[in-house]
Amino acid sequence: MNWLHDVSYLFGGVFLANAVPHFVSGTMGQAFQSPFAKPPGQGLSSSTVNVLWGFANLVLAYLLLIRVGNFNLHAADQVIAAGAGVLLIGLFSARTFGRFHGGHSPKHS
């Protein structure tokens, strides 16, 4: 297997997981952080912007997972690469956005 395909699948997993909160928040009519807010990643973007951003992430995930190489759900290395991308962006998002939504409590001295 070409290791560049695994890198593509890693980032495909990142974009796939990143699509979920944006698309869901947008379709629920809720504002949510996005790279287009002011300040980027901290301010809120409209529900319409989030639907569009979520959809763009889905398109990128499709291109990276399906159009690069020959992604096979039965190939452990490919699934692990995509799963690692999902996990990495999930942990990053939990730490980054948890402070805005009550999901991250600061350490007490």
PDB file of N, CA and C in Angstrom:
ATOM      1  N   MET A   1       0.845  -1.187   0.000  1.00  0.00           N
ATOM      2  CA  MET A   1       0.000   0.000   0.000  1.00  0.00           C
ATOM      3  C   MET A   1       0.884   1.243   0.000  1.00  0.00           C
ATOM      4  N   ASN A   2       0.498   2.192  -0.758  1.00  0.00           N
ATOM      5  CA  ASN A   2       1.177   3.471  -0.833  1.00  0.00           C
ATOM      6  C   ASN A   2       0.899   4.265   0.447  1.00  0.00           C
ATOM      7  N   TRP A   3       1.955   4.669   1.158  1.00  0.00           N
ATOM      8  CA  TRP A   3       1.757   5.386   2.427  1.00  0.00           C
ATOM      9  C   TRP A   3       1.066   6.733   2.209  1.00  0.00           C
ATOM     10  N   LEU A   4       1.193   7.309   1.022  1.00  0.00           N
ATOM     11  CA  LEU A   4       0.488   8.569   0.745  1.00  0.00           C
ATOM     12  C   LEU A   4      -1.025   8.369   0.738  1.00  0.00           C
ATOM     13  N   HIS A   5      -1.462   7.181   0.363  1.00  0.00           N
ATOM     14  CA  HIS A   5      -2.896   6.880   0.430  1.00  0.00           C
ATOM     15  C   HIS A   5      -3.353   6.880   1.889  1.00  0.00           C
ATOM     16  N   ASP A   6      -2.547   6.299   2.771  1.00  0.00           N
ATOM     17  CA  ASP A   6      -2.902   6.292   4.196  1.00  0.00           C
ATOM     18  C   ASP A   6      -2.962   7.711   4.757  1.00  0.00           C
ATOM     19  N   VAL A   7      -2.060   8.579   4.313  1.00  0.00           N
ATOM     20  CA  VAL A   7      -2.101   9.989   4.739  1.00  0.00           C
ATOM     21  C   VAL A   7      -3.392  10.638   4.239  1.00  0.00           C
ATOM     22  N   SER A   8      -3.767  10.334   3.004  1.00  0.00           N
ATOM     23  CA  SER A   8      -5.016  10.846   2.459  1.00  0.00           C
ATOM     24  C   SER A   8      -6.210  10.367   3.281  1.00  0.00           C
ATOM     25  N   TYR A   9      -6.191   9.093   3.673  1.00  0.00           N
ATOM     26  CA  TYR A   9      -7.290   8.536   4.466  1.00  0.00           C
ATOM     27  C   TYR A   9      -7.335   9.151   5.862  1.00  0.00           C
ATOM     28  N   LEU A  10      -6.166   9.452   6.428  1.00  0.00           N
ATOM     29  CA  LEU A  10      -6.112  10.139   7.721  1.00  0.00           C
ATOM     30  C   LEU A  10      -6.835  11.483   7.630  1.00  0.00           C
ATOM     31  N   PHE A  11      -6.483  12.274   6.620  1.00  0.00           N
ATOM     32  CA  PHE A  11      -7.129  13.584   6.465  1.00  0.00           C
ATOM     33  C   PHE A  11      -8.580  13.455   6.016  1.00  0.00           C
ATOM     34  N   GLY A  12      -8.897  12.395   5.291  1.00  0.00           N
ATOM     35  CA  GLY A  12     -10.298  12.133   4.959  1.00  0.00           C
ATOM     36  C   GLY A  12     -11.122  11.919   6.215  1.00  0.00           C
ATOM     37  N   GLY A  13     -10.557  11.181   7.176  1.00  0.00           N
ATOM     38  CA  GLY A  13     -11.231  10.988   8.466  1.00  0.00           C
ATOM     39  C   GLY A  13     -11.394  12.292   9.224  1.00  0.00           C
ATOM     40  N   VAL A  14     -10.370  13.142   9.154  1.00  0.00           N
ATOM     41  CA  VAL A  14     -10.447  14.458   9.804  1.00  0.00           C
ATOM     42  C   VAL A  14     -11.607  15.260   9.229  1.00  0.00           C
ATOM     43  N   PHE A  15     -11.683  15.358   7.904  1.00  0.00           N
ATOM     44  CA  PHE A  15     -12.748  16.143   7.278  1.00  0.00           C
ATOM     45  C   PHE A  15     -14.115  15.520   7.498  1.00  0.00           C
ATOM     46  N   LEU A  16     -14.185  14.202   7.511  1.00  0.00           N
ATOM     47  CA  LEU A  16     -15.463  13.533   7.744  1.00  0.00           C
ATOM     48  C   LEU A  16     -16.001  13.861   9.141  1.00  0.00           C
ATOM     49  N   ALA A  17     -15.145  13.732  10.146  1.00  0.00           N
ATOM     50  CA  ALA A  17     -15.575  14.017  11.516  1.00  0.00           C
ATOM     51  C   ALA A  17     -15.861  15.506  11.707  1.00  0.00           C
ATOM     52  N   ASN A  18     -15.086  16.370  11.049  1.00  0.00           N
ATOM     53  CA  ASN A  18     -15.300  17.808  11.189  1.00  0.00           C
ATOM     54  C   ASN A  18     -16.609  18.258  10.546  1.00  0.00           C
ATOM     55  N   ALA A  19     -17.081  17.504   9.560  1.00  0.00           N
ATOM     56  CA  ALA A  19     -18.340  17.854   8.897  1.00  0.00           C
ATOM     57  C   ALA A  19     -19.529  17.736   9.841  1.00  0.00           C
ATOM     58  N   VAL A  20     -19.463  16.779  10.748  1.00  0.00           N
ATOM     59  CA  VAL A  20     -20.626  16.452  11.581  1.00  0.00           C
ATOM     60  C   VAL A  20     -21.115  17.627  12.434  1.00  0.00           C
ATOM     61  N   PRO A  21     -20.285  18.233  13.303  1.00  0.00           N
ATOM     62  CA  PRO A  21     -20.829  19.291  14.157  1.00  0.00           C
ATOM     63  C   PRO A  21     -21.288  20.515  13.369  1.00  0.00           C
ATOM     64  N   HIS A  22     -20.587  20.823  12.290  1.00  0.00           N
ATOM     65  CA  HIS A  22     -20.972  21.995  11.504  1.00  0.00           C
ATOM     66  C   HIS A  22     -22.296  21.758  10.787  1.00  0.00           C
ATOM     67  N   PHE A  23     -22.405  20.617  10.121  1.00  0.00           N
ATOM     68  CA  PHE A  23     -23.625  20.332   9.370  1.00  0.00           C
ATOM     69  C   PHE A  23     -24.822  20.173  10.302  1.00  0.00           C
ATOM     70  N   VAL A  24     -24.632  19.453  11.401  1.00  0.00           N
ATOM     71  CA  VAL A  24     -25.744  19.235  12.339  1.00  0.00           C
ATOM     72  C   VAL A  24     -26.169  20.542  12.990  1.00  0.00           C
ATOM     73  N   SER A  25     -25.204  21.331  13.468  1.00  0.00           N
ATOM     74  CA  SER A  25     -25.556  22.626  14.072  1.00  0.00           C
ATOM     75  C   SER A  25     -26.296  23.501  13.078  1.00  0.00           C
ATOM     76  N   GLY A  26     -25.795  23.533  11.853  1.00  0.00           N
ATOM     77  CA  GLY A  26     -26.431  24.357  10.829  1.00  0.00           C
ATOM     78  C   GLY A  26     -27.838  23.913  10.513  1.00  0.00           C
ATOM     79  N   THR A  27     -28.037  22.604  10.362  1.00  0.00           N
ATOM     80  CA  THR A  27     -29.380  22.130  10.036  1.00  0.00           C
ATOM     81  C   THR A  27     -30.344  22.288  11.206  1.00  0.00           C
ATOM     82  N   MET A  28     -29.799  22.412  12.420  1.00  0.00           N
ATOM     83  CA  MET A  28     -30.646  22.682  13.589  1.00  0.00           C
ATOM     84  C   MET A  28     -30.918  24.174  13.742  1.00  0.00           C
ATOM     85  N   GLY A  29     -30.330  24.981  12.863  1.00  0.00           N
ATOM     86  CA  GLY A  29     -30.551  26.421  12.914  1.00  0.00           C
ATOM     87  C   GLY A  29     -29.720  27.118  13.976  1.00  0.00           C
ATOM     88  N   GLN A  30     -28.661  26.469  14.443  1.00  0.00           N
ATOM     89  CA  GLN A  30     -27.835  27.030  15.505  1.00  0.00           C
ATOM     90  C   GLN A  30     -26.529  27.584  14.950  1.00  0.00           C
ATOM     91  N   ALA A  31     -26.104  28.699  15.515  1.00  0.00           N
ATOM     92  CA  ALA A  31     -24.790  29.242  15.189  1.00  0.00           C
ATOM     93  C   ALA A  31     -23.740  28.362  15.849  1.00  0.00           C
ATOM     94  N   PHE A  32     -22.546  28.324  15.242  1.00  0.00           N
ATOM     95  CA  PHE A  32     -21.461  27.490  15.762  1.00  0.00           C
ATOM     96  C   PHE A  32     -20.138  28.093  15.307  1.00  0.00           C
ATOM     97  N   GLN A  33     -19.067  27.794  16.028  1.00  0.00           N
ATOM     98  CA  GLN A  33     -17.748  28.289  15.649  1.00  0.00           C
ATOM     99  C   GLN A  33     -17.366  27.734  14.278  1.00  0.00           C
ATOM    100  N   SER A  34     -16.661  28.560  13.516  1.00  0.00           N
ATOM    101  CA  SER A  34     -16.126  28.109  12.233  1.00  0.00           C
ATOM    102  C   SER A  34     -14.901  28.943  11.900  1.00  0.00           C
ATOM    103  N   PRO A  35     -14.151  28.534  10.892  1.00  0.00           N
ATOM    104  CA  PRO A  35     -12.973  29.323  10.499  1.00  0.00           C
ATOM    105  C   PRO A  35     -13.344  30.677   9.906  1.00  0.00           C
ATOM    106  N   PHE A  36     -14.622  30.888   9.593  1.00  0.00           N
ATOM    107  CA  PHE A  36     -15.058  32.125   8.959  1.00  0.00           C
ATOM    108  C   PHE A  36     -15.581  33.157   9.951  1.00  0.00           C
ATOM    109  N   ALA A  37     -15.653  32.782  11.226  1.00  0.00           N
ATOM    110  CA  ALA A  37     -16.141  33.687  12.272  1.00  0.00           C
ATOM    111  C   ALA A  37     -15.039  34.666  12.654  1.00  0.00           C
ATOM    112  N   LYS A  38     -15.431  35.683  13.392  1.00  0.00           N
ATOM    113  CA  LYS A  38     -14.459  36.650  13.917  1.00  0.00           C
ATOM    114  C   LYS A  38     -14.525  36.610  15.428  1.00  0.00           C
ATOM    115  N   PRO A  39     -13.437  36.274  16.118  1.00  0.00           N
ATOM    116  CA  PRO A  39     -12.181  35.733  15.590  1.00  0.00           C
ATOM    117  C   PRO A  39     -12.370  34.294  15.108  1.00  0.00           C
ATOM    118  N   PRO A  40     -11.566  33.886  14.107  1.00  0.00           N
ATOM    119  CA  PRO A  40     -11.715  32.543  13.539  1.00  0.00           C
ATOM    120  C   PRO A  40     -11.634  31.447  14.608  1.00  0.00           C
ATOM    121  N   GLY A  41     -12.608  30.539  14.563  1.00  0.00           N
ATOM    122  CA  GLY A  41     -12.618  29.414  15.492  1.00  0.00           C
ATOM    123  C   GLY A  41     -13.143  29.745  16.873  1.00  0.00           C
ATOM    124  N   GLN A  42     -13.404  31.007  17.132  1.00  0.00           N
ATOM    125  CA  GLN A  42     -13.916  31.395  18.452  1.00  0.00           C
ATOM    126  C   GLN A  42     -15.285  32.046  18.350  1.00  0.00           C
ATOM    127  N   GLY A  43     -15.440  32.946  17.391  1.00  0.00           N
ATOM    128  CA  GLY A  43     -16.735  33.579  17.185  1.00  0.00           C
ATOM    129  C   GLY A  43     -17.701  32.598  16.542  1.00  0.00           C
ATOM    130  N   LEU A  44     -18.946  32.999  16.474  1.00  0.00           N
ATOM    131  CA  LEU A  44     -19.978  32.126  15.910  1.00  0.00           C
ATOM    132  C   LEU A  44     -20.277  32.501  14.465  1.00  0.00           C
ATOM    133  N   SER A  45     -20.488  31.493  13.646  1.00  0.00           N
ATOM    134  CA  SER A  45     -20.946  31.683  12.277  1.00  0.00           C
ATOM    135  C   SER A  45     -22.410  31.276  12.201  1.00  0.00           C
ATOM    136  N   SER A  46     -23.094  31.816  11.225  1.00  0.00           N
ATOM    137  CA  SER A  46     -24.520  31.533  11.073  1.00  0.00           C
ATOM    138  C   SER A  46     -24.754  30.062  10.752  1.00  0.00           C
ATOM    139  N   SER A  47     -25.996  29.647  10.910  1.00  0.00           N
ATOM    140  CA  SER A  47     -26.348  28.262  10.600  1.00  0.00           C
ATOM    141  C   SER A  47     -26.128  27.968   9.115  1.00  0.00           C
ATOM    142  N   THR A  48     -26.387  28.932   8.256  1.00  0.00           N
ATOM    143  CA  THR A  48     -26.179  28.737   6.811  1.00  0.00           C
ATOM    144  C   THR A  48     -24.705  28.517   6.503  1.00  0.00           C
ATOM    145  N   VAL A  49     -23.832  29.322   7.096  1.00  0.00           N
ATOM    146  CA  VAL A  49     -22.390  29.153   6.891  1.00  0.00           C
ATOM    147  C   VAL A  49     -21.957  27.776   7.373  1.00  0.00           C
ATOM    148  N   ASN A  50     -22.503  27.324   8.491  1.00  0.00           N
ATOM    149  CA  ASN A  50     -22.122  26.023   9.021  1.00  0.00           C
ATOM    150  C   ASN A  50     -22.615  24.870   8.153  1.00  0.00           C
ATOM    151  N   VAL A  51     -23.783  24.978   7.568  1.00  0.00           N
ATOM    152  CA  VAL A  51     -24.243  23.937   6.640  1.00  0.00           C
ATOM    153  C   VAL A  51     -23.301  23.880   5.438  1.00  0.00           C
ATOM    154  N   LEU A  52     -22.951  25.041   4.899  1.00  0.00           N
ATOM    155  CA  LEU A  52     -22.050  25.084   3.749  1.00  0.00           C
ATOM    156  C   LEU A  52     -20.662  24.546   4.102  1.00  0.00           C
ATOM    157  N   TRP A  53     -20.147  24.927   5.273  1.00  0.00           N
ATOM    158  CA  TRP A  53     -18.831  24.449   5.712  1.00  0.00           C
ATOM    159  C   TRP A  53     -18.870  22.946   5.977  1.00  0.00           C
ATOM    160  N   GLY A  54     -19.925  22.466   6.600  1.00  0.00           N
ATOM    161  CA  GLY A  54     -20.072  21.030   6.834  1.00  0.00           C
ATOM    162  C   GLY A  54     -20.134  20.254   5.529  1.00  0.00           C
ATOM    163  N   PHE A  55     -20.869  20.785   4.558  1.00  0.00           N
ATOM    164  CA  PHE A  55     -20.972  20.116   3.263  1.00  0.00           C
ATOM    165  C   PHE A  55     -19.628  20.120   2.541  1.00  0.00           C
ATOM    166  N   ALA A  56     -18.903  21.226   2.616  1.00  0.00           N
ATOM    167  CA  ALA A  56     -17.566  21.299   2.008  1.00  0.00           C
ATOM    168  C   ALA A  56     -16.645  20.251   2.632  1.00  0.00           C
ATOM    169  N   ASN A  57     -16.747  20.058   3.940  1.00  0.00           N
ATOM    170  CA  ASN A  57     -15.948  19.030   4.617  1.00  0.00           C
ATOM    171  C   ASN A  57     -16.330  17.633   4.135  1.00  0.00           C
ATOM    172  N   LEU A  58     -17.618  17.394   3.899  1.00  0.00           N
ATOM    173  CA  LEU A  58     -18.065  16.099   3.371  1.00  0.00           C
ATOM    174  C   LEU A  58     -17.498  15.851   1.977  1.00  0.00           C
ATOM    175  N   VAL A  59     -17.491  16.874   1.146  1.00  0.00           N
ATOM    176  CA  VAL A  59     -16.935  16.738  -0.203  1.00  0.00           C
ATOM    177  C   VAL A  59     -15.440  16.408  -0.128  1.00  0.00           C
ATOM    178  N   LEU A  60     -14.711  17.132   0.734  1.00  0.00           N
ATOM    179  CA  LEU A  60     -13.280  16.864   0.893  1.00  0.00           C
ATOM    180  C   LEU A  60     -13.046  15.454   1.423  1.00  0.00           C
ATOM    181  N   ALA A  61     -13.859  15.018   2.377  1.00  0.00           N
ATOM    182  CA  ALA A  61     -13.729  13.659   2.911  1.00  0.00           C
ATOM    183  C   ALA A  61     -13.953  12.637   1.803  1.00  0.00           C
ATOM    184  N   TYR A  62     -14.957  12.845   0.991  1.00  0.00           N
ATOM    185  CA  TYR A  62     -15.235  11.943  -0.136  1.00  0.00           C
ATOM    186  C   TYR A  62     -14.033  11.874  -1.076  1.00  0.00           C
ATOM    187  N   LEU A  63     -13.512  13.034  -1.437  1.00  0.00           N
ATOM    188  CA  LEU A  63     -12.379  13.063  -2.363  1.00  0.00           C
ATOM    189  C   LEU A  63     -11.167  12.336  -1.793  1.00  0.00           C
ATOM    190  N   LEU A  64     -10.888  12.544  -0.512  1.00  0.00           N
ATOM    191  CA  LEU A  64      -9.703  11.943   0.113  1.00  0.00           C
ATOM    192  C   LEU A  64      -9.881  10.454   0.428  1.00  0.00           C
ATOM    193  N   LEU A  65     -11.097  10.052   0.763  1.00  0.00           N
ATOM    194  CA  LEU A  65     -11.328   8.654   1.132  1.00  0.00           C
ATOM    195  C   LEU A  65     -11.661   7.767  -0.072  1.00  0.00           C
ATOM    196  N   ILE A  66     -12.416   8.286  -1.003  1.00  0.00           N
ATOM    197  CA  ILE A  66     -12.944   7.449  -2.076  1.00  0.00           C
ATOM    198  C   ILE A  66     -12.204   7.622  -3.402  1.00  0.00           C
ATOM    199  N   ARG A  67     -11.784   8.832  -3.680  1.00  0.00           N
ATOM    200  CA  ARG A  67     -11.168   9.098  -4.983  1.00  0.00           C
ATOM    201  C   ARG A  67      -9.653   8.901  -4.989  1.00  0.00           C
ATOM    202  N   VAL A  68      -9.031   8.823  -3.825  1.00  0.00           N
ATOM    203  CA  VAL A  68      -7.588   8.576  -3.754  1.00  0.00           C
ATOM    204  C   VAL A  68      -7.382   7.092  -3.481  1.00  0.00           C
ATOM    205  N   GLY A  69      -6.604   6.447  -4.299  1.00  0.00           N
ATOM    206  CA  GLY A  69      -6.348   5.025  -4.092  1.00  0.00           C
ATOM    207  C   GLY A  69      -7.622   4.219  -4.246  1.00  0.00           C
ATOM    208  N   ASN A  70      -7.720   3.166  -3.451  1.00  0.00           N
ATOM    209  CA  ASN A  70      -8.875   2.278  -3.494  1.00  0.00           C
ATOM    210  C   ASN A  70      -9.244   1.919  -2.052  1.00  0.00           C
ATOM    211  N   PHE A  71      -9.893   2.851  -1.341  1.00  0.00           N
ATOM    212  CA  PHE A  71     -10.224   2.659   0.070  1.00  0.00           C
ATOM    213  C   PHE A  71     -11.059   1.397   0.242  1.00  0.00           C
ATOM    214  N   ASN A  72     -10.638   0.566   1.188  1.00  0.00           N
ATOM    215  CA  ASN A  72     -11.295  -0.712   1.423  1.00  0.00           C
ATOM    216  C   ASN A  72     -11.581  -0.843   2.919  1.00  0.00           C
ATOM    217  N   LEU A  73     -12.843  -0.954   3.279  1.00  0.00           N
ATOM    218  CA  LEU A  73     -13.218  -1.097   4.690  1.00  0.00           C
ATOM    219  C   LEU A  73     -12.681  -2.384   5.312  1.00  0.00           C
ATOM    220  N   HIS A  74     -12.222  -3.321   4.497  1.00  0.00           N
ATOM    221  CA  HIS A  74     -11.664  -4.570   5.008  1.00  0.00           C
ATOM    222  C   HIS A  74     -10.151  -4.500   5.192  1.00  0.00           C
ATOM    223  N   ALA A  75      -9.538  -3.394   4.775  1.00  0.00           N
ATOM    224  CA  ALA A  75      -8.089  -3.226   4.920  1.00  0.00           C
ATOM    225  C   ALA A  75      -7.810  -2.474   6.219  1.00  0.00           C
ATOM    226  N   ALA A  76      -7.241  -3.180   7.171  1.00  0.00           N
ATOM    227  CA  ALA A  76      -7.044  -2.611   8.514  1.00  0.00           C
ATOM    228  C   ALA A  76      -6.224  -1.325   8.492  1.00  0.00           C
ATOM    229  N   ASP A  77      -5.159  -1.270   7.704  1.00  0.00           N
ATOM    230  CA  ASP A  77      -4.322  -0.061   7.701  1.00  0.00           C
ATOM    231  C   ASP A  77      -5.105   1.152   7.211  1.00  0.00           C
ATOM    232  N   GLN A  78      -5.977   0.956   6.247  1.00  0.00           N
ATOM    233  CA  GLN A  78      -6.765   2.065   5.717  1.00  0.00           C
ATOM    234  C   GLN A  78      -7.823   2.530   6.725  1.00  0.00           C
ATOM    235  N   VAL A  79      -8.475   1.596   7.357  1.00  0.00           N
ATOM    236  CA  VAL A  79      -9.487   1.939   8.365  1.00  0.00           C
ATOM    237  C   VAL A  79      -8.829   2.586   9.582  1.00  0.00           C
ATOM    238  N   ILE A  80      -7.664   2.088   9.981  1.00  0.00           N
ATOM    239  CA  ILE A  80      -6.943   2.678  11.111  1.00  0.00           C
ATOM    240  C   ILE A  80      -6.528   4.108  10.783  1.00  0.00           C
ATOM    241  N   ALA A  81      -6.057   4.343   9.565  1.00  0.00           N
ATOM    242  CA  ALA A  81      -5.654   5.698   9.167  1.00  0.00           C
ATOM    243  C   ALA A  81      -6.841   6.650   9.226  1.00  0.00           C
ATOM    244  N   ALA A  82      -7.969   6.260   8.650  1.00  0.00           N
ATOM    245  CA  ALA A  82      -9.164   7.115   8.676  1.00  0.00           C
ATOM    246  C   ALA A  82      -9.670   7.279  10.112  1.00  0.00           C
ATOM    247  N   GLY A  83      -9.684   6.192  10.868  1.00  0.00           N
ATOM    248  CA  GLY A  83     -10.128   6.256  12.265  1.00  0.00           C
ATOM    249  C   GLY A  83      -9.240   7.148  13.108  1.00  0.00           C
ATOM    250  N   ALA A  84      -7.933   7.129  12.847  1.00  0.00           N
ATOM    251  CA  ALA A  84      -7.011   8.003  13.575  1.00  0.00           C
ATOM    252  C   ALA A  84      -7.331   9.468  13.279  1.00  0.00           C
ATOM    253  N   GLY A  85      -7.683   9.773  12.036  1.00  0.00           N
ATOM    254  CA  GLY A  85      -8.069  11.139  11.692  1.00  0.00           C
ATOM    255  C   GLY A  85      -9.332  11.567  12.432  1.00  0.00           C
ATOM    256  N   VAL A  86     -10.314  10.661  12.494  1.00  0.00           N
ATOM    257  CA  VAL A  86     -11.553  10.945  13.227  1.00  0.00           C
ATOM    258  C   VAL A  86     -11.241  11.196  14.698  1.00  0.00           C
ATOM    259  N   LEU A  87     -10.426  10.341  15.294  1.00  0.00           N
ATOM    260  CA  LEU A  87     -10.084  10.475  16.714  1.00  0.00           C
ATOM    261  C   LEU A  87      -9.298  11.760  16.975  1.00  0.00           C
ATOM    262  N   LEU A  88      -8.320  12.053  16.139  1.00  0.00           N
ATOM    263  CA  LEU A  88      -7.499  13.255  16.349  1.00  0.00           C
ATOM    264  C   LEU A  88      -8.327  14.534  16.294  1.00  0.00           C
ATOM    265  N   ILE A  89      -9.165  14.683  15.279  1.00  0.00           N
ATOM    266  CA  ILE A  89      -9.975  15.910  15.189  1.00  0.00           C
ATOM    267  C   ILE A  89     -11.030  15.921  16.289  1.00  0.00           C
ATOM    268  N   GLY A  90     -11.505  14.746  16.690  1.00  0.00           N
ATOM    269  CA  GLY A  90     -12.468  14.681  17.791  1.00  0.00           C
ATOM    270  C   GLY A  90     -11.871  15.177  19.093  1.00  0.00           C
ATOM    271  N   LEU A  91     -10.667  14.697  19.418  1.00  0.00           N
ATOM    272  CA  LEU A  91      -9.992  15.145  20.648  1.00  0.00           C
ATOM    273  C   LEU A  91      -9.641  16.628  20.579  1.00  0.00           C
ATOM    274  N   PHE A  92      -9.136  17.060  19.412  1.00  0.00           N
ATOM    275  CA  PHE A  92      -8.796  18.473  19.235  1.00  0.00           C
ATOM    276  C   PHE A  92     -10.036  19.354  19.415  1.00  0.00           C
ATOM    277  N   SER A  93     -11.138  18.954  18.795  1.00  0.00           N
ATOM    278  CA  SER A  93     -12.376  19.735  18.893  1.00  0.00           C
ATOM    279  C   SER A  93     -12.918  19.761  20.312  1.00  0.00           C
ATOM    280  N   ALA A  94     -12.853  18.620  20.992  1.00  0.00           N
ATOM    281  CA  ALA A  94     -13.332  18.560  22.375  1.00  0.00           C
ATOM    282  C   ALA A  94     -12.555  19.536  23.255  1.00  0.00           C
ATOM    283  N   ARG A  95     -11.234  19.577  23.091  1.00  0.00           N
ATOM    284  CA  ARG A  95     -10.404  20.475  23.900  1.00  0.00           C
ATOM    285  C   ARG A  95     -10.598  21.936  23.492  1.00  0.00           C
ATOM    286  N   THR A  96     -10.685  22.180  22.200  1.00  0.00           N
ATOM    287  CA  THR A  96     -10.767  23.552  21.703  1.00  0.00           C
ATOM    288  C   THR A  96     -12.140  24.169  21.952  1.00  0.00           C
ATOM    289  N   PHE A  97     -13.196  23.444  21.617  1.00  0.00           N
ATOM    290  CA  PHE A  97     -14.536  24.017  21.688  1.00  0.00           C
ATOM    291  C   PHE A  97     -15.262  23.703  22.984  1.00  0.00           C
ATOM    292  N   GLY A  98     -14.733  22.784  23.783  1.00  0.00           N
ATOM    293  CA  GLY A  98     -15.350  22.466  25.063  1.00  0.00           C
ATOM    294  C   GLY A  98     -15.437  23.668  25.980  1.00  0.00           C
ATOM    295  N   ARG A  99     -14.459  24.552  25.887  1.00  0.00           N
ATOM    296  CA  ARG A  99     -14.487  25.744  26.755  1.00  0.00           C
ATOM    297  C   ARG A  99     -15.618  26.700  26.398  1.00  0.00           C
ATOM    298  N   PHE A 100     -16.125  26.621  25.171  1.00  0.00           N
ATOM    299  CA  PHE A 100     -17.233  27.485  24.772  1.00  0.00           C
ATOM    300  C   PHE A 100     -18.591  26.879  25.101  1.00  0.00           C
ATOM    301  N   HIS A 101     -18.632  25.563  25.248  1.00  0.00           N
ATOM    302  CA  HIS A 101     -19.913  24.872  25.396  1.00  0.00           C
ATOM    303  C   HIS A 101     -20.015  24.073  26.688  1.00  0.00           C
ATOM    304  N   GLY A 102     -19.143  24.342  27.636  1.00  0.00           N
ATOM    305  CA  GLY A 102     -19.225  23.707  28.945  1.00  0.00           C
ATOM    306  C   GLY A 102     -18.692  22.295  29.016  1.00  0.00           C
ATOM    307  N   GLY A 103     -17.971  21.840  27.991  1.00  0.00           N
ATOM    308  CA  GLY A 103     -17.478  20.478  27.990  1.00  0.00           C
ATOM    309  C   GLY A 103     -16.046  20.337  28.483  1.00  0.00           C
ATOM    310  N   HIS A 104     -15.417  21.452  28.860  1.00  0.00           N
ATOM    311  CA  HIS A 104     -14.032  21.399  29.322  1.00  0.00           C
ATOM    312  C   HIS A 104     -13.932  22.249  30.573  1.00  0.00           C
ATOM    313  N   SER A 105     -13.694  21.588  31.665  1.00  0.00           N
ATOM    314  CA  SER A 105     -13.546  22.343  32.906  1.00  0.00           C
ATOM    315  C   SER A 105     -12.049  22.521  33.194  1.00  0.00           C
ATOM    316  N   PRO A 106     -11.622  23.733  33.528  1.00  0.00           N
ATOM    317  CA  PRO A 106     -10.201  23.957  33.789  1.00  0.00           C
ATOM    318  C   PRO A 106      -9.746  23.208  35.040  1.00  0.00           C
ATOM    319  N   LYS A 107      -8.463  22.887  35.082  1.00  0.00           N
ATOM    320  CA  LYS A 107      -7.906  22.201  36.243  1.00  0.00           C
ATOM    321  C   LYS A 107      -7.941  23.136  37.456  1.00  0.00           C
ATOM    322  N   HIS A 108      -8.246  22.550  38.593  1.00  0.00           N
ATOM    323  CA  HIS A 108      -8.224  23.316  39.830  1.00  0.00           C
ATOM    324  C   HIS A 108      -6.889  23.121  40.511  1.00  0.00           C
ATOM    325  N   SER A 109      -6.367  24.187  41.119  1.00  0.00           N
ATOM    326  CA  SER A 109      -5.063  24.091  41.795  1.00  0.00           C
ATOM    327  C   SER A 109      -5.181  23.376  43.098  1.00  0.00           C
TER     328      SER A 109
END
